[in-house]
N, C-alpha and C. Protein backbone atom coordinates (compact mmCIF):
# COMPACT_ATOMS: atom_id res chain seq x y z
N MET A 1 -12.64 -15.35 -34.77
CA MET A 1 -12.90 -15.99 -33.53
C MET A 1 -11.67 -15.89 -32.61
N LYS A 2 -10.50 -16.09 -33.18
CA LYS A 2 -9.30 -15.98 -32.35
C LYS A 2 -9.07 -14.60 -31.85
N LEU A 3 -9.45 -13.60 -32.69
CA LEU A 3 -9.28 -12.20 -32.28
C LEU A 3 -10.19 -11.89 -31.09
N VAL A 4 -11.41 -12.43 -31.16
CA VAL A 4 -12.35 -12.17 -30.04
C VAL A 4 -11.81 -12.76 -28.74
N LEU A 5 -11.30 -14.00 -28.86
CA LEU A 5 -10.73 -14.65 -27.63
C LEU A 5 -9.53 -13.88 -27.11
N LEU A 6 -8.72 -13.40 -27.99
CA LEU A 6 -7.53 -12.65 -27.58
C LEU A 6 -7.97 -11.34 -26.88
N CYS A 7 -8.97 -10.66 -27.43
CA CYS A 7 -9.50 -9.45 -26.78
C CYS A 7 -10.08 -9.70 -25.43
N LEU A 8 -10.82 -10.79 -25.31
CA LEU A 8 -11.38 -11.20 -24.00
C LEU A 8 -10.29 -11.49 -22.96
N LEU A 9 -9.26 -12.14 -23.39
CA LEU A 9 -8.12 -12.47 -22.50
C LEU A 9 -7.44 -11.21 -22.05
N LEU A 10 -7.18 -10.31 -22.98
CA LEU A 10 -6.54 -9.04 -22.62
C LEU A 10 -7.40 -8.24 -21.69
N ALA A 11 -8.70 -8.21 -21.94
CA ALA A 11 -9.61 -7.44 -21.09
C ALA A 11 -9.59 -8.04 -19.66
N ALA A 12 -9.51 -9.36 -19.55
CA ALA A 12 -9.51 -9.99 -18.23
C ALA A 12 -8.20 -9.74 -17.51
N LEU A 13 -7.10 -9.61 -18.18
CA LEU A 13 -5.85 -9.38 -17.53
C LEU A 13 -5.54 -7.89 -17.24
N LEU A 14 -6.23 -6.99 -17.93
CA LEU A 14 -5.96 -5.59 -17.74
C LEU A 14 -6.19 -5.09 -16.32
N PRO A 15 -7.27 -5.38 -15.63
CA PRO A 15 -7.47 -4.87 -14.29
C PRO A 15 -6.35 -5.32 -13.32
N SER A 16 -5.91 -6.56 -13.45
CA SER A 16 -4.81 -7.02 -12.53
C SER A 16 -3.51 -6.36 -12.86
N ALA A 17 -3.33 -5.94 -14.09
CA ALA A 17 -2.08 -5.33 -14.49
C ALA A 17 -2.01 -3.91 -14.02
N THR A 18 -3.15 -3.23 -13.80
CA THR A 18 -3.16 -1.85 -13.36
C THR A 18 -3.45 -1.70 -11.90
N ALA A 19 -3.82 -2.76 -11.20
CA ALA A 19 -4.13 -2.66 -9.77
C ALA A 19 -2.85 -2.35 -8.96
N LEU A 20 -3.01 -1.61 -7.88
CA LEU A 20 -1.90 -1.28 -6.97
C LEU A 20 -1.40 -2.53 -6.30
N LYS A 21 -0.07 -2.57 -6.10
CA LYS A 21 0.51 -3.66 -5.29
C LYS A 21 1.13 -3.06 -4.04
N CYS A 22 0.84 -3.69 -2.93
CA CYS A 22 1.35 -3.22 -1.63
C CYS A 22 1.91 -4.43 -0.88
N PHE A 23 2.86 -4.16 -0.03
CA PHE A 23 3.27 -5.19 0.94
C PHE A 23 2.18 -5.29 1.99
N THR A 24 1.85 -6.53 2.34
CA THR A 24 0.81 -6.76 3.38
C THR A 24 1.31 -7.74 4.39
N GLY A 25 0.86 -7.53 5.60
CA GLY A 25 1.18 -8.45 6.70
C GLY A 25 1.46 -7.73 7.98
N TYR A 26 1.53 -8.52 9.03
CA TYR A 26 1.87 -8.07 10.38
C TYR A 26 3.19 -8.77 10.70
N ASN A 27 4.25 -7.99 10.81
CA ASN A 27 5.58 -8.57 10.86
C ASN A 27 6.34 -8.17 12.09
N VAL A 28 6.87 -9.11 12.84
CA VAL A 28 7.66 -8.81 13.99
C VAL A 28 9.15 -8.93 13.72
N ALA A 29 9.52 -9.52 12.57
CA ALA A 29 10.96 -9.79 12.21
C ALA A 29 11.59 -8.57 11.57
N GLY A 30 10.81 -7.60 11.09
CA GLY A 30 11.40 -6.42 10.43
C GLY A 30 11.52 -6.57 8.95
N ASP A 31 11.14 -7.70 8.43
CA ASP A 31 11.16 -7.90 6.97
C ASP A 31 9.86 -7.38 6.39
N ASP A 32 9.84 -7.05 5.11
CA ASP A 32 8.62 -6.61 4.48
C ASP A 32 7.70 -7.79 4.34
N GLY A 33 6.36 -7.53 4.34
CA GLY A 33 5.39 -8.55 4.19
C GLY A 33 5.35 -9.08 2.74
N THR A 34 4.22 -9.69 2.43
CA THR A 34 4.02 -10.32 1.11
C THR A 34 3.59 -9.26 0.10
N ALA A 35 4.15 -9.24 -1.07
CA ALA A 35 3.70 -8.35 -2.15
C ALA A 35 2.32 -8.81 -2.61
N THR A 36 1.29 -7.97 -2.47
CA THR A 36 -0.09 -8.38 -2.76
C THR A 36 -0.68 -7.40 -3.75
N THR A 37 -1.48 -7.95 -4.69
CA THR A 37 -2.26 -7.09 -5.56
C THR A 37 -3.54 -6.69 -4.83
N CYS A 38 -3.75 -5.38 -4.70
CA CYS A 38 -4.89 -4.81 -3.95
C CYS A 38 -6.19 -4.96 -4.75
N GLN A 39 -7.30 -4.81 -4.03
CA GLN A 39 -8.58 -4.76 -4.68
C GLN A 39 -8.66 -3.50 -5.48
N GLU A 40 -9.58 -3.43 -6.43
CA GLU A 40 -9.67 -2.30 -7.29
C GLU A 40 -9.91 -0.93 -6.58
N ASP A 41 -10.67 -0.97 -5.49
CA ASP A 41 -10.96 0.27 -4.79
C ASP A 41 -9.89 0.63 -3.77
N GLU A 42 -8.94 -0.24 -3.54
CA GLU A 42 -7.87 0.02 -2.60
C GLU A 42 -6.69 0.67 -3.38
N THR A 43 -6.64 1.97 -3.30
CA THR A 43 -5.69 2.74 -4.10
C THR A 43 -4.47 3.21 -3.29
N HIS A 44 -4.37 2.83 -2.05
CA HIS A 44 -3.28 3.28 -1.17
C HIS A 44 -2.71 2.12 -0.36
N CYS A 45 -1.42 2.21 -0.11
CA CYS A 45 -0.70 1.25 0.76
C CYS A 45 -0.56 1.95 2.11
N LEU A 46 -0.69 1.19 3.16
CA LEU A 46 -0.54 1.68 4.55
C LEU A 46 0.69 1.02 5.16
N PHE A 47 1.44 1.80 5.93
CA PHE A 47 2.53 1.28 6.71
C PHE A 47 2.45 1.90 8.11
N ILE A 48 2.48 1.03 9.15
CA ILE A 48 2.51 1.51 10.52
C ILE A 48 3.65 0.81 11.23
N ARG A 49 4.48 1.60 11.87
CA ARG A 49 5.57 1.03 12.73
C ARG A 49 5.10 1.03 14.15
N LEU A 50 4.91 -0.19 14.69
CA LEU A 50 4.56 -0.36 16.11
C LEU A 50 5.84 -0.45 16.91
N GLN A 51 5.73 -0.64 18.22
CA GLN A 51 6.92 -0.68 19.04
C GLN A 51 7.87 -1.78 18.63
N TYR A 52 7.36 -3.00 18.45
CA TYR A 52 8.18 -4.13 18.09
C TYR A 52 7.81 -4.83 16.80
N SER A 53 6.97 -4.22 16.03
CA SER A 53 6.52 -4.87 14.76
C SER A 53 6.02 -3.75 13.80
N MET A 54 5.52 -4.22 12.69
CA MET A 54 4.96 -3.26 11.69
C MET A 54 3.75 -3.93 11.00
N ILE A 55 2.88 -3.04 10.50
CA ILE A 55 1.67 -3.45 9.81
C ILE A 55 1.76 -2.88 8.41
N GLN A 56 1.48 -3.70 7.41
CA GLN A 56 1.44 -3.25 5.99
C GLN A 56 0.15 -3.78 5.39
N GLU A 57 -0.63 -2.85 4.76
CA GLU A 57 -1.92 -3.21 4.24
C GLU A 57 -2.29 -2.42 2.97
N CYS A 58 -3.28 -2.97 2.21
CA CYS A 58 -3.92 -2.21 1.16
C CYS A 58 -5.07 -1.48 1.79
N LYS A 59 -5.40 -0.24 1.36
CA LYS A 59 -6.51 0.52 1.93
C LYS A 59 -7.09 1.36 0.87
N THR A 60 -8.41 1.77 1.05
CA THR A 60 -8.91 2.86 0.23
C THR A 60 -8.26 4.16 0.68
N LYS A 61 -8.31 5.18 -0.14
CA LYS A 61 -7.66 6.46 0.27
C LYS A 61 -8.24 6.98 1.58
N GLN A 62 -9.55 6.95 1.66
CA GLN A 62 -10.24 7.49 2.87
C GLN A 62 -9.85 6.65 4.14
N LYS A 63 -9.89 5.34 4.05
CA LYS A 63 -9.56 4.49 5.22
C LYS A 63 -8.12 4.66 5.58
N CYS A 64 -7.23 4.78 4.63
CA CYS A 64 -5.80 4.94 4.89
C CYS A 64 -5.57 6.26 5.65
N MET A 65 -6.24 7.32 5.21
CA MET A 65 -6.08 8.58 5.96
C MET A 65 -6.63 8.53 7.32
N GLU A 66 -7.74 7.82 7.54
CA GLU A 66 -8.32 7.66 8.91
C GLU A 66 -7.35 6.90 9.79
N VAL A 67 -6.83 5.77 9.31
CA VAL A 67 -5.93 4.97 10.12
C VAL A 67 -4.62 5.67 10.37
N LEU A 68 -4.18 6.44 9.37
CA LEU A 68 -2.93 7.22 9.55
C LEU A 68 -3.09 8.26 10.67
N LYS A 69 -4.21 8.94 10.66
CA LYS A 69 -4.47 9.94 11.66
C LYS A 69 -4.53 9.27 13.09
N GLU A 70 -5.23 8.16 13.18
CA GLU A 70 -5.33 7.47 14.49
C GLU A 70 -3.97 6.97 14.96
N ALA A 71 -3.19 6.39 14.09
CA ALA A 71 -1.87 5.89 14.46
C ALA A 71 -0.97 7.01 14.92
N LYS A 72 -0.95 8.13 14.23
CA LYS A 72 -0.11 9.22 14.61
C LYS A 72 -0.61 9.85 15.93
N THR A 73 -1.91 9.91 16.15
CA THR A 73 -2.48 10.44 17.37
C THR A 73 -2.01 9.69 18.59
N ILE A 74 -1.84 8.36 18.49
CA ILE A 74 -1.37 7.55 19.63
C ILE A 74 0.13 7.38 19.63
N GLY A 75 0.82 8.05 18.66
CA GLY A 75 2.27 8.06 18.74
C GLY A 75 3.03 7.06 17.88
N TYR A 76 2.36 6.41 16.94
CA TYR A 76 3.01 5.48 16.07
C TYR A 76 3.43 6.19 14.76
N ARG A 77 4.56 5.81 14.22
CA ARG A 77 5.02 6.30 12.90
C ARG A 77 4.25 5.55 11.86
N ALA A 78 3.70 6.29 10.85
CA ALA A 78 2.87 5.68 9.87
C ALA A 78 2.89 6.48 8.62
N ARG A 79 2.50 5.88 7.47
CA ARG A 79 2.41 6.63 6.21
C ARG A 79 1.42 5.86 5.30
N CYS A 80 0.79 6.66 4.42
CA CYS A 80 0.01 6.17 3.31
C CYS A 80 0.70 6.62 2.04
N CYS A 81 0.67 5.76 1.02
CA CYS A 81 1.29 6.08 -0.27
C CYS A 81 0.54 5.40 -1.35
N SER A 82 0.76 5.78 -2.57
CA SER A 82 -0.07 5.28 -3.67
C SER A 82 0.73 4.80 -4.88
N LYS A 83 1.92 4.29 -4.66
CA LYS A 83 2.69 3.73 -5.75
C LYS A 83 2.95 2.24 -5.41
N ASP A 84 3.18 1.45 -6.41
CA ASP A 84 3.44 0.03 -6.19
C ASP A 84 4.56 -0.22 -5.18
N LEU A 85 4.25 -1.03 -4.17
CA LEU A 85 5.19 -1.49 -3.16
C LEU A 85 5.90 -0.33 -2.46
N CYS A 86 5.17 0.76 -2.24
CA CYS A 86 5.72 1.93 -1.61
C CYS A 86 5.73 1.86 -0.10
N ASN A 87 5.08 0.84 0.50
CA ASN A 87 5.03 0.75 1.92
C ASN A 87 6.07 -0.23 2.51
N LYS A 88 7.29 -0.07 2.05
CA LYS A 88 8.36 -0.91 2.59
C LYS A 88 8.56 -0.52 4.03
N GLY A 89 9.22 -1.42 4.76
CA GLY A 89 9.49 -1.20 6.18
C GLY A 89 10.40 -0.01 6.52
N LEU A 90 11.27 0.40 5.58
CA LEU A 90 12.18 1.50 5.82
C LEU A 90 11.40 2.79 5.72
N ILE A 91 11.20 3.47 6.79
CA ILE A 91 10.38 4.71 6.69
C ILE A 91 11.19 6.00 6.82
N ARG A 92 12.47 5.85 7.06
CA ARG A 92 13.32 7.11 7.12
C ARG A 92 14.04 7.29 5.82
N LYS A 93 13.63 8.23 5.09
CA LYS A 93 14.34 8.54 3.84
C LYS A 93 14.73 9.99 3.89
N LYS A 94 15.84 10.32 3.29
CA LYS A 94 16.33 11.67 3.32
C LYS A 94 15.24 12.59 2.71
N GLY A 95 14.91 13.65 3.41
CA GLY A 95 13.94 14.60 2.92
C GLY A 95 12.49 14.12 2.95
N TYR A 96 12.26 13.00 3.64
CA TYR A 96 10.90 12.44 3.72
C TYR A 96 10.34 12.65 5.10
N ARG A 97 9.18 13.28 5.17
CA ARG A 97 8.54 13.53 6.43
C ARG A 97 7.60 12.36 6.78
N LEU A 98 7.71 11.80 7.99
CA LEU A 98 6.83 10.69 8.35
C LEU A 98 5.33 11.03 8.22
N GLY A 99 4.59 10.10 7.70
CA GLY A 99 3.16 10.35 7.58
C GLY A 99 2.77 11.14 6.36
N GLN A 100 3.72 11.46 5.50
CA GLN A 100 3.44 12.29 4.32
C GLN A 100 3.78 11.52 3.06
N ASP A 101 2.98 11.71 2.09
CA ASP A 101 3.24 11.11 0.75
C ASP A 101 3.08 12.17 -0.29
N SER A 102 4.18 12.38 -1.03
CA SER A 102 4.17 13.47 -2.03
C SER A 102 3.15 13.25 -3.09
N SER A 103 2.70 11.98 -3.29
CA SER A 103 1.68 11.72 -4.30
C SER A 103 0.29 12.20 -3.87
N LEU A 104 0.11 12.54 -2.62
CA LEU A 104 -1.18 12.97 -2.08
C LEU A 104 -1.32 14.50 -2.07
N GLN A 105 -0.23 15.21 -2.38
CA GLN A 105 -0.27 16.67 -2.26
C GLN A 105 -0.82 17.27 -3.52
């Protein structure tokens, strides 16, 4: 009986342990938002740098690519990525092209 309960507990914890974590929030101070565990279908983190603030969210791959395209079309710097907490506010990294995620290639 204890083994069954242990298996059920592990099965309940497994999805949350494997779910993507992204920073989320709308921030004007320049700090990263709250580290959030995304929904199961949200496999990408979004980052958009606005003129005086930034947006960080969990997104599905398709929605992230759509928002990324829209943001870049109107001149905002943005990126989609698919690793835990990859959407930090710092978007200039050596050898990193804005709006590009090596995990999507």
